[in-house]
Amino acid sequence: MMARTTVNDKQAGATAAPAPSPEGDDVKVDIEVEGDEKPEQAADAQQDEAQAVEAEVIEPETSDDADEQARVEAAIKAGEAAAEADIKSEADALRAERDELAKKLADVEGDIEAAKAEAASAADRLSRLQADWENYRRRTERDRVTERERACEGLVKDLLPAIDDLERAISHAQATAEGNEVAQQLADGVSAVHEKVVSVLEKQGVEVIDPAGQPFDPQDHQAVGRVENADEYDETVADVYQKGYRLGGKVVRPAMVTVTYGGAKRPAEAPEGDAESK
């Protein structure tokens, strides 16, 4: 405001003129001498003064804009700093959460591995237990069969003399049954009883050894005599004096037989595989 007042004062001073006097021409000359400036120069001076005043007036306003700009920039920087701090805080929280989840995942993976190891151990124990059970079952079954065979073997040994008596009675009755109907009926009856007894024994796994005409086998046969016969292969069973019995692959009693000699040697039997291939 003071600048504007100065301009007006100057303008007033510049445009002011002494009061008119009766001598008009002298006034004109006095103005030219007193001002010592041309009208164009005066206008230029006034314009320069106005620009200077305007510069003085605008200068405070420019300073206020600079302060405002500085405040805006400071606010922007503060906002950016606050945003950066928030982002950093959120990033730290996310990292902490990530680390916690990674730790939990590691713990879970450890638990999974431990569970897998325990499951593998349990499966191994189960496999061993099943194998032990299977072995026990087989051993028990084998023992049961063995006990049954032993019991049956004792029974067979006790029955064999009676079976031998039945066979001798059948042979004697058949020898004297010619023309005697009663003797024939007796022989048929005794033969039926003998067949029933042998059938019961066969159901229990007993096998009759009756090797007449077969090669002599010292494991199943007991030779009680030799018979010369050139028509048969050497060491062939000629007669069976007493039948043998086998139970479960075990010979309960060998057959009592006579063996031939004097004949040709029996040819070696080909293996089963070679016989099938031929």
C-alpha atoms as a PDB file:
ATOM      1  CA  MET A   1       0.000   0.000   0.000  1.00  0.00           C
ATOM      2  CA  MET A   2       2.868   2.336   0.723  1.00  0.00           C
ATOM      3  CA  ALA A   3       4.304   1.704  -2.730  1.00  0.00           C
ATOM      4  CA  ARG A   4       1.039   2.705  -4.365  1.00  0.00           C
ATOM      5  CA  THR A   5       0.947   5.929  -2.321  1.00  0.00           C
ATOM      6  CA  THR A   6       4.441   6.831  -3.445  1.00  0.00           C
ATOM      7  CA  VAL A   7       3.521   6.428  -7.069  1.00  0.00           C
ATOM      8  CA  ASN A   8       0.530   8.671  -6.697  1.00  0.00           C
ATOM      9  CA  ASP A   9       2.622  11.226  -4.941  1.00  0.00           C
ATOM     10  CA  LYS A  10       5.194  11.131  -7.696  1.00  0.00           C
ATOM     11  CA  GLN A  11       2.530  11.319 -10.316  1.00  0.00           C
ATOM     12  CA  ALA A  12       1.040  14.257  -8.533  1.00  0.00           C
ATOM     13  CA  GLY A  13       4.455  15.850  -8.354  1.00  0.00           C
ATOM     14  CA  ALA A  14       5.112  15.160 -11.982  1.00  0.00           C
ATOM     15  CA  THR A  15       1.812  16.457 -13.200  1.00  0.00           C
ATOM     16  CA  ALA A  16       1.552  19.325 -10.819  1.00  0.00           C
ATOM     17  CA  ALA A  17       2.029  22.766 -12.276  1.00  0.00           C
ATOM     18  CA  PRO A  18       2.214  26.184 -10.730  1.00  0.00           C
ATOM     19  CA  ALA A  19      -0.938  28.168 -10.690  1.00  0.00           C
ATOM     20  CA  PRO A  20      -1.669  30.045 -13.878  1.00  0.00           C
ATOM     21  CA  SER A  21      -0.617  33.640 -14.049  1.00  0.00           C
ATOM     22  CA  PRO A  22      -1.899  36.375 -16.138  1.00  0.00           C
ATOM     23  CA  GLU A  23       1.045  35.941 -18.403  1.00  0.00           C
ATOM     24  CA  GLY A  24       0.136  32.841 -20.340  1.00  0.00           C
ATOM     25  CA  ASP A  25       3.257  32.590 -22.436  1.00  0.00           C
ATOM     26  CA  ASP A  26       5.524  32.845 -19.484  1.00  0.00           C
ATOM     27  CA  VAL A  27       3.748  29.934 -17.813  1.00  0.00           C
ATOM     28  CA  LYS A  28       4.454  27.676 -20.786  1.00  0.00           C
ATOM     29  CA  VAL A  29       8.116  28.520 -20.759  1.00  0.00           C
ATOM     30  CA  ASP A  30       8.353  28.065 -17.031  1.00  0.00           C
ATOM     31  CA  ILE A  31       6.898  24.554 -17.280  1.00  0.00           C
ATOM     32  CA  GLU A  32       9.404  23.522 -19.884  1.00  0.00           C
ATOM     33  CA  VAL A  33      12.306  24.918 -17.884  1.00  0.00           C
ATOM     34  CA  GLU A  34      11.112  23.634 -14.567  1.00  0.00           C
ATOM     35  CA  GLY A  35      10.365  20.064 -15.749  1.00  0.00           C
ATOM     36  CA  ASP A  36      13.546  19.634 -17.795  1.00  0.00           C
ATOM     37  CA  GLU A  37      11.925  16.544 -19.427  1.00  0.00           C
ATOM     38  CA  LYS A  38      10.049  15.853 -22.591  1.00  0.00           C
ATOM     39  CA  PRO A  39       6.540  14.342 -22.461  1.00  0.00           C
ATOM     40  CA  GLU A  40       7.714  11.001 -23.903  1.00  0.00           C
ATOM     41  CA  GLN A  41      10.446  10.722 -21.329  1.00  0.00           C
ATOM     42  CA  ALA A  42       7.965  11.520 -18.583  1.00  0.00           C
ATOM     43  CA  ALA A  43       5.648   8.748 -19.805  1.00  0.00           C
ATOM     44  CA  ASP A  44       8.525   6.297 -19.885  1.00  0.00           C
ATOM     45  CA  ALA A  45       9.528   7.274 -16.403  1.00  0.00           C
ATOM     46  CA  GLN A  46       6.000   6.796 -15.165  1.00  0.00           C
ATOM     47  CA  GLN A  47       5.862   3.362 -16.841  1.00  0.00           C
ATOM     48  CA  ASP A  48       9.144   2.323 -15.223  1.00  0.00           C
ATOM     49  CA  GLU A  49       7.924   3.460 -11.865  1.00  0.00           C
ATOM     50  CA  ALA A  50       4.684   1.527 -12.334  1.00  0.00           C
ATOM     51  CA  GLN A  51       6.604  -1.657 -13.262  1.00  0.00           C
ATOM     52  CA  ALA A  52       8.839  -1.205 -10.231  1.00  0.00           C
ATOM     53  CA  VAL A  53       5.795  -0.791  -8.028  1.00  0.00           C
ATOM     54  CA  GLU A  54       4.188  -3.828  -9.593  1.00  0.00           C
ATOM     55  CA  ALA A  55       7.359  -5.832  -9.015  1.00  0.00           C
ATOM     56  CA  GLU A  56       7.386  -4.695  -5.427  1.00  0.00           C
ATOM     57  CA  VAL A  57       3.739  -5.691  -5.025  1.00  0.00           C
ATOM     58  CA  ILE A  58       4.154  -9.075  -6.746  1.00  0.00           C
ATOM     59  CA  GLU A  59       7.353  -9.979  -4.915  1.00  0.00           C
ATOM     60  CA  PRO A  60       5.624 -10.771  -1.568  1.00  0.00           C
ATOM     61  CA  GLU A  61       3.029 -12.851  -3.409  1.00  0.00           C
ATOM     62  CA  THR A  62       5.799 -14.897  -5.092  1.00  0.00           C
ATOM     63  CA  SER A  63       7.385 -15.554  -1.715  1.00  0.00           C
ATOM     64  CA  ASP A  64       4.045 -16.829  -0.380  1.00  0.00           C
ATOM     65  CA  ASP A  65       3.743 -19.193  -3.361  1.00  0.00           C
ATOM     66  CA  ALA A  66       7.225 -20.509  -2.667  1.00  0.00           C
ATOM     67  CA  ASP A  67       6.297 -21.163   0.934  1.00  0.00           C
ATOM     68  CA  GLU A  68       3.126 -22.858  -0.150  1.00  0.00           C
ATOM     69  CA  GLN A  69       5.082 -24.978  -2.639  1.00  0.00           C
ATOM     70  CA  ALA A  70       7.579 -25.839   0.084  1.00  0.00           C
ATOM     71  CA  ARG A  71       4.757 -26.821   2.396  1.00  0.00           C
ATOM     72  CA  VAL A  72       3.200 -28.962  -0.335  1.00  0.00           C
ATOM     73  CA  GLU A  73       6.512 -30.662  -1.035  1.00  0.00           C
ATOM     74  CA  ALA A  74       7.067 -31.199   2.677  1.00  0.00           C
ATOM     75  CA  ALA A  75       3.582 -32.694   2.961  1.00  0.00           C
ATOM     76  CA  ILE A  76       4.257 -34.941  -0.036  1.00  0.00           C
ATOM     77  CA  LYS A  77       7.553 -36.075   1.455  1.00  0.00           C
ATOM     78  CA  ALA A  78       5.874 -36.675   4.809  1.00  0.00           C
ATOM     79  CA  GLY A  79       3.157 -38.691   3.085  1.00  0.00           C
ATOM     80  CA  GLU A  80       5.705 -40.661   1.149  1.00  0.00           C
ATOM     81  CA  ALA A  81       7.678 -41.309   4.325  1.00  0.00           C
ATOM     82  CA  ALA A  82       4.525 -42.389   6.153  1.00  0.00           C
ATOM     83  CA  ALA A  83       3.515 -44.614   3.239  1.00  0.00           C
ATOM     84  CA  GLU A  84       7.024 -46.074   3.103  1.00  0.00           C
ATOM     85  CA  ALA A  85       6.912 -46.685   6.855  1.00  0.00           C
ATOM     86  CA  ASP A  86       3.508 -48.388   6.512  1.00  0.00           C
ATOM     87  CA  ILE A  87       4.738 -50.516   3.621  1.00  0.00           C
ATOM     88  CA  LYS A  88       7.871 -51.441   5.541  1.00  0.00           C
ATOM     89  CA  SER A  89       5.823 -52.336   8.592  1.00  0.00           C
ATOM     90  CA  GLU A  90       3.426 -54.432   6.513  1.00  0.00           C
ATOM     91  CA  ALA A  91       6.393 -56.072   4.736  1.00  0.00           C
ATOM     92  CA  ASP A  92       7.975 -56.891   8.100  1.00  0.00           C
ATOM     93  CA  ALA A  93       4.678 -58.369   9.280  1.00  0.00           C
ATOM     94  CA  LEU A  94       4.405 -60.435   6.089  1.00  0.00           C
ATOM     95  CA  ARG A  95       7.998 -61.629   6.468  1.00  0.00           C
ATOM     96  CA  ALA A  96       7.335 -62.620  10.054  1.00  0.00           C
ATOM     97  CA  GLU A  97       4.173 -64.447   8.980  1.00  0.00           C
ATOM     98  CA  ARG A  98       6.113 -66.107   6.161  1.00  0.00           C
ATOM     99  CA  ASP A  99       8.831 -67.233   8.572  1.00  0.00           C
ATOM    100  CA  GLU A 100       6.204 -68.542  10.989  1.00  0.00           C
ATOM    101  CA  LEU A 101       4.457 -70.455   8.218  1.00  0.00           C
ATOM    102  CA  ALA A 102       7.802 -71.819   7.004  1.00  0.00           C
ATOM    103  CA  LYS A 103       8.553 -72.991  10.525  1.00  0.00           C
ATOM    104  CA  LYS A 104       5.143 -74.611  10.822  1.00  0.00           C
ATOM    105  CA  LEU A 105       5.640 -76.217   7.404  1.00  0.00           C
ATOM    106  CA  ALA A 106       9.020 -77.564   8.483  1.00  0.00           C
ATOM    107  CA  ASP A 107       7.430 -78.944  11.650  1.00  0.00           C
ATOM    108  CA  VAL A 108       4.627 -80.512   9.624  1.00  0.00           C
ATOM    109  CA  GLU A 109       7.122 -82.005   7.168  1.00  0.00           C
ATOM    110  CA  GLY A 110       9.050 -83.400  10.108  1.00  0.00           C
ATOM    111  CA  ASP A 111       5.842 -84.888  11.495  1.00  0.00           C
ATOM    112  CA  ILE A 112       5.036 -86.343   8.072  1.00  0.00           C
ATOM    113  CA  GLU A 113       8.461 -87.941   7.789  1.00  0.00           C
ATOM    114  CA  ALA A 114       8.143 -89.302  11.310  1.00  0.00           C
ATOM    115  CA  ALA A 115       4.679 -90.651  10.486  1.00  0.00           C
ATOM    116  CA  LYS A 116       6.012 -92.250   7.304  1.00  0.00           C
ATOM    117  CA  ALA A 117       8.853 -93.860   9.228  1.00  0.00           C
ATOM    118  CA  GLU A 118       6.432 -95.104  11.869  1.00  0.00           C
ATOM    119  CA  ALA A 119       4.070 -96.418   9.192  1.00  0.00           C
ATOM    120  CA  ALA A 120       6.959 -98.211   7.460  1.00  0.00           C
ATOM    121  CA  SER A 121       8.037 -99.691  10.782  1.00  0.00           C
ATOM    122  CA  ALA A 122       4.469-100.777  11.521  1.00  0.00           C
ATOM    123  CA  ALA A 123       4.178-102.314   8.046  1.00  0.00           C
ATOM    124  CA  ASP A 124       7.448-104.159   8.590  1.00  0.00           C
ATOM    125  CA  ARG A 125       6.276-105.423  11.971  1.00  0.00           C
ATOM    126  CA  LEU A 126       2.968-106.463  10.450  1.00  0.00           C
ATOM    127  CA  SER A 127       4.765-108.296   7.648  1.00  0.00           C
ATOM    128  CA  ARG A 128       6.967-110.084  10.166  1.00  0.00           C
ATOM    129  CA  LEU A 129       3.952-110.899  12.307  1.00  0.00           C
ATOM    130  CA  GLN A 130       2.097-112.296   9.302  1.00  0.00           C
ATOM    131  CA  ALA A 131       5.138-114.362   8.346  1.00  0.00           C
ATOM    132  CA  ASP A 132       5.441-115.645  11.907  1.00  0.00           C
ATOM    133  CA  TRP A 133       1.736-116.447  11.949  1.00  0.00           C
ATOM    134  CA  GLU A 134       1.979-118.257   8.618  1.00  0.00           C
ATOM    135  CA  ASN A 135       4.969-120.240   9.845  1.00  0.00           C
ATOM    136  CA  TYR A 136       3.155-121.030  13.076  1.00  0.00           C
ATOM    137  CA  ARG A 137       0.062-122.124  11.163  1.00  0.00           C
ATOM    138  CA  ARG A 138       2.087-124.351   8.878  1.00  0.00           C
ATOM    139  CA  ARG A 139       4.081-125.777  11.775  1.00  0.00           C
ATOM    140  CA  THR A 140       0.886-126.386  13.725  1.00  0.00           C
ATOM    141  CA  GLU A 141      -0.758-128.027  10.731  1.00  0.00           C
ATOM    142  CA  ARG A 142       2.316-130.151  10.153  1.00  0.00           C
ATOM    143  CA  ASP A 143       2.418-131.134  13.809  1.00  0.00           C
ATOM    144  CA  ARG A 144      -1.267-131.934  13.712  1.00  0.00           C
ATOM    145  CA  VAL A 145      -0.797-134.121  10.651  1.00  0.00           C
ATOM    146  CA  THR A 146       2.194-135.762  12.274  1.00  0.00           C
ATOM    147  CA  GLU A 147       0.245-136.485  15.445  1.00  0.00           C
ATOM    148  CA  ARG A 148      -2.647-137.860  13.440  1.00  0.00           C
ATOM    149  CA  GLU A 149      -0.299-140.014  11.401  1.00  0.00           C
ATOM    150  CA  ARG A 150       1.360-141.282  14.552  1.00  0.00           C
ATOM    151  CA  ALA A 151      -1.985-142.127  16.081  1.00  0.00           C
ATOM    152  CA  CYS A 152      -3.120-143.757  12.852  1.00  0.00           C
ATOM    153  CA  GLU A 153       0.211-145.531  12.567  1.00  0.00           C
ATOM    154  CA  GLY A 154      -0.258-147.097  15.960  1.00  0.00           C
ATOM    155  CA  LEU A 155      -3.764-148.167  14.998  1.00  0.00           C
ATOM    156  CA  VAL A 156      -2.557-149.590  11.684  1.00  0.00           C
ATOM    157  CA  LYS A 157       0.207-151.550  13.389  1.00  0.00           C
ATOM    158  CA  ASP A 158      -2.336-152.965  15.815  1.00  0.00           C
ATOM    159  CA  LEU A 159      -4.717-153.907  12.975  1.00  0.00           C
ATOM    160  CA  LEU A 160      -2.154-155.415  10.633  1.00  0.00           C
ATOM    161  CA  PRO A 161      -2.040-158.858  12.333  1.00  0.00           C
ATOM    162  CA  ALA A 162      -5.829-159.085  12.117  1.00  0.00           C
ATOM    163  CA  ILE A 163      -5.725-158.059   8.450  1.00  0.00           C
ATOM    164  CA  ASP A 164      -3.082-160.703   7.810  1.00  0.00           C
ATOM    165  CA  ASP A 165      -5.318-163.333   9.459  1.00  0.00           C
ATOM    166  CA  LEU A 166      -8.256-162.252   7.274  1.00  0.00           C
ATOM    167  CA  GLU A 167      -6.123-162.571   4.142  1.00  0.00           C
ATOM    168  CA  ARG A 168      -4.923-166.053   5.157  1.00  0.00           C
ATOM    169  CA  ALA A 169      -8.485-167.110   5.938  1.00  0.00           C
ATOM    170  CA  ILE A 170      -9.608-165.867   2.528  1.00  0.00           C
ATOM    171  CA  SER A 171      -6.826-167.794   0.792  1.00  0.00           C
ATOM    172  CA  HIS A 172      -7.625-171.018   2.709  1.00  0.00           C
ATOM    173  CA  ALA A 173     -11.367-170.678   2.091  1.00  0.00           C
ATOM    174  CA  GLN A 174     -10.861-170.092  -1.632  1.00  0.00           C
ATOM    175  CA  ALA A 175      -8.571-173.113  -1.800  1.00  0.00           C
ATOM    176  CA  THR A 176     -11.209-175.408  -0.246  1.00  0.00           C
ATOM    177  CA  ALA A 177     -14.328-173.753  -1.684  1.00  0.00           C
ATOM    178  CA  GLU A 178     -14.554-175.812  -4.859  1.00  0.00           C
ATOM    179  CA  GLY A 179     -17.835-177.708  -4.801  1.00  0.00           C
ATOM    180  CA  ASN A 180     -18.599-176.416  -1.289  1.00  0.00           C
ATOM    181  CA  GLU A 181     -21.168-173.641  -1.366  1.00  0.00           C
ATOM    182  CA  VAL A 182     -20.896-172.960   2.332  1.00  0.00           C
ATOM    183  CA  ALA A 183     -17.100-172.550   2.160  1.00  0.00           C
ATOM    184  CA  GLN A 184     -17.496-170.218  -0.821  1.00  0.00           C
ATOM    185  CA  GLN A 185     -19.996-168.061   1.021  1.00  0.00           C
ATOM    186  CA  LEU A 186     -17.650-167.935   4.007  1.00  0.00           C
ATOM    187  CA  ALA A 187     -14.747-166.884   1.788  1.00  0.00           C
ATOM    188  CA  ASP A 188     -16.881-164.171   0.169  1.00  0.00           C
ATOM    189  CA  GLY A 189     -17.978-162.849   3.569  1.00  0.00           C
ATOM    190  CA  VAL A 190     -14.439-162.739   4.957  1.00  0.00           C
ATOM    191  CA  SER A 191     -13.241-161.025   1.759  1.00  0.00           C
ATOM    192  CA  ALA A 192     -15.938-158.344   2.146  1.00  0.00           C
ATOM    193  CA  VAL A 193     -14.886-157.679   5.740  1.00  0.00           C
ATOM    194  CA  HIS A 194     -11.268-157.420   4.652  1.00  0.00           C
ATOM    195  CA  GLU A 195     -12.154-154.907   1.939  1.00  0.00           C
ATOM    196  CA  LYS A 196     -14.060-152.742   4.415  1.00  0.00           C
ATOM    197  CA  VAL A 197     -11.176-152.659   6.867  1.00  0.00           C
ATOM    198  CA  VAL A 198      -8.668-151.774   4.148  1.00  0.00           C
ATOM    199  CA  SER A 199     -11.037-149.090   2.816  1.00  0.00           C
ATOM    200  CA  VAL A 200     -11.193-147.456   6.235  1.00  0.00           C
ATOM    201  CA  LEU A 201      -7.420-147.450   6.451  1.00  0.00           C
ATOM    202  CA  GLU A 202      -7.094-145.958   2.962  1.00  0.00           C
ATOM    203  CA  LYS A 203      -9.374-143.075   3.995  1.00  0.00           C
ATOM    204  CA  GLN A 204      -6.860-142.318   6.743  1.00  0.00           C
ATOM    205  CA  GLY A 205      -4.023-142.162   4.228  1.00  0.00           C
ATOM    206  CA  VAL A 206      -2.832-145.755   4.468  1.00  0.00           C
ATOM    207  CA  GLU A 207      -1.474-147.210   1.251  1.00  0.00           C
ATOM    208  CA  VAL A 208      -1.146-150.967   0.662  1.00  0.00           C
ATOM    209  CA  ILE A 209       2.193-152.185  -0.721  1.00  0.00           C
ATOM    210  CA  ASP A 210       1.603-155.224  -2.974  1.00  0.00           C
ATOM    211  CA  PRO A 211       4.623-155.266  -5.360  1.00  0.00           C
ATOM    212  CA  ALA A 212       4.162-158.571  -7.186  1.00  0.00           C
ATOM    213  CA  GLY A 213       5.884-158.373 -10.618  1.00  0.00           C
ATOM    214  CA  GLN A 214       7.485-154.987  -9.806  1.00  0.00           C
ATOM    215  CA  PRO A 215      11.187-154.144  -9.501  1.00  0.00           C
ATOM    216  CA  PHE A 216      12.567-154.855  -6.070  1.00  0.00           C
ATOM    217  CA  ASP A 217      12.905-151.717  -3.899  1.00  0.00           C
ATOM    218  CA  PRO A 218      14.817-152.233  -0.667  1.00  0.00           C
ATOM    219  CA  GLN A 219      13.150-149.171   0.859  1.00  0.00           C
ATOM    220  CA  ASP A 220       9.644-150.655   0.544  1.00  0.00           C
ATOM    221  CA  HIS A 221      10.367-154.391   0.300  1.00  0.00           C
ATOM    222  CA  GLN A 222      11.999-156.928   2.495  1.00  0.00           C
ATOM    223  CA  ALA A 223      13.449-159.906   0.616  1.00  0.00           C
ATOM    224  CA  VAL A 224      13.013-163.239   2.432  1.00  0.00           C
ATOM    225  CA  GLY A 225      14.129-165.494  -0.410  1.00  0.00           C
ATOM    226  CA  ARG A 226      15.449-165.725  -3.981  1.00  0.00           C
ATOM    227  CA  VAL A 227      13.903-167.547  -6.932  1.00  0.00           C
ATOM    228  CA  GLU A 228      15.783-168.350 -10.145  1.00  0.00           C
ATOM    229  CA  ASN A 229      13.810-167.269 -13.198  1.00  0.00           C
ATOM    230  CA  ALA A 230      15.484-166.458 -16.499  1.00  0.00           C
ATOM    231  CA  ASP A 231      12.216-165.265 -18.036  1.00  0.00           C
ATOM    232  CA  GLU A 232      11.996-162.257 -15.708  1.00  0.00           C
ATOM    233  CA  TYR A 233      14.313-159.354 -15.268  1.00  0.00           C
ATOM    234  CA  ASP A 234      16.828-159.760 -12.530  1.00  0.00           C
ATOM    235  CA  GLU A 235      15.677-158.556  -9.091  1.00  0.00           C
ATOM    236  CA  THR A 236      11.973-158.677  -9.793  1.00  0.00           C
ATOM    237  CA  VAL A 237       9.464-159.444  -7.039  1.00  0.00           C
ATOM    238  CA  ALA A 238       8.234-162.977  -7.576  1.00  0.00           C
ATOM    239  CA  ASP A 239       5.926-163.689  -4.623  1.00  0.00           C
ATOM    240  CA  VAL A 240       4.533-161.546  -1.800  1.00  0.00           C
ATOM    241  CA  TYR A 241       4.332-163.433   1.474  1.00  0.00           C
ATOM    242  CA  GLN A 242       3.065-160.489   3.435  1.00  0.00           C
ATOM    243  CA  LYS A 243       1.768-157.131   2.129  1.00  0.00           C
ATOM    244  CA  GLY A 244       3.344-153.912   3.279  1.00  0.00           C
ATOM    245  CA  TYR A 245       1.702-150.662   4.307  1.00  0.00           C
ATOM    246  CA  ARG A 246       2.706-146.999   3.906  1.00  0.00           C
ATOM    247  CA  LEU A 247       1.252-144.024   5.792  1.00  0.00           C
ATOM    248  CA  GLY A 248       1.943-140.431   4.738  1.00  0.00           C
ATOM    249  CA  GLY A 249       5.002-141.403   2.731  1.00  0.00           C
ATOM    250  CA  LYS A 250       6.405-143.401   5.626  1.00  0.00           C
ATOM    251  CA  VAL A 251       6.635-147.179   5.403  1.00  0.00           C
ATOM    252  CA  VAL A 252       4.799-148.616   8.395  1.00  0.00           C
ATOM    253  CA  ARG A 253       5.707-152.165   7.414  1.00  0.00           C
ATOM    254  CA  PRO A 254       7.681-153.324   4.381  1.00  0.00           C
ATOM    255  CA  ALA A 255       6.321-156.065   2.162  1.00  0.00           C
ATOM    256  CA  MET A 256       7.893-159.490   2.618  1.00  0.00           C
ATOM    257  CA  VAL A 257       8.774-160.794  -0.856  1.00  0.00           C
ATOM    258  CA  THR A 258      10.941-163.205  -2.851  1.00  0.00           C
ATOM    259  CA  VAL A 259      13.203-161.820  -5.599  1.00  0.00           C
ATOM    260  CA  THR A 260      14.132-163.416  -8.929  1.00  0.00           C
ATOM    261  CA  TYR A 261      17.641-163.828 -10.290  1.00  0.00           C
ATOM    262  CA  GLY A 262      19.283-165.330 -13.363  1.00  0.00           C
ATOM    263  CA  GLY A 263      17.418-163.159 -15.869  1.00  0.00           C
ATOM    264  CA  ALA A 264      18.514-160.166 -17.937  1.00  0.00           C
ATOM    265  CA  LYS A 265      19.330-156.895 -16.270  1.00  0.00           C
ATOM    266  CA  ARG A 266      16.472-154.466 -16.175  1.00  0.00           C
ATOM    267  CA  PRO A 267      17.076-151.487 -18.497  1.00  0.00           C
ATOM    268  CA  ALA A 268      17.545-148.133 -16.832  1.00  0.00           C
ATOM    269  CA  GLU A 269      14.422-146.061 -16.788  1.00  0.00           C
ATOM    270  CA  ALA A 270      14.598-142.749 -18.615  1.00  0.00           C
ATOM    271  CA  PRO A 271      13.955-139.620 -16.583  1.00  0.00           C
ATOM    272  CA  GLU A 272      10.386-138.361 -16.616  1.00  0.00           C
ATOM    273  CA  GLY A 273      11.351-135.200 -18.499  1.00  0.00           C
ATOM    274  CA  ASP A 274      13.049-137.156 -21.286  1.00  0.00           C
ATOM    275  CA  ALA A 275      10.118-139.553 -21.520  1.00  0.00           C
ATOM    276  CA  GLU A 276       7.664-136.675 -21.897  1.00  0.00           C
ATOM    277  CA  SER A 277       9.830-134.980 -24.553  1.00  0.00           C
ATOM    278  CA  LYS A 278       9.883-138.182 -26.590  1.00  0.00           C
END
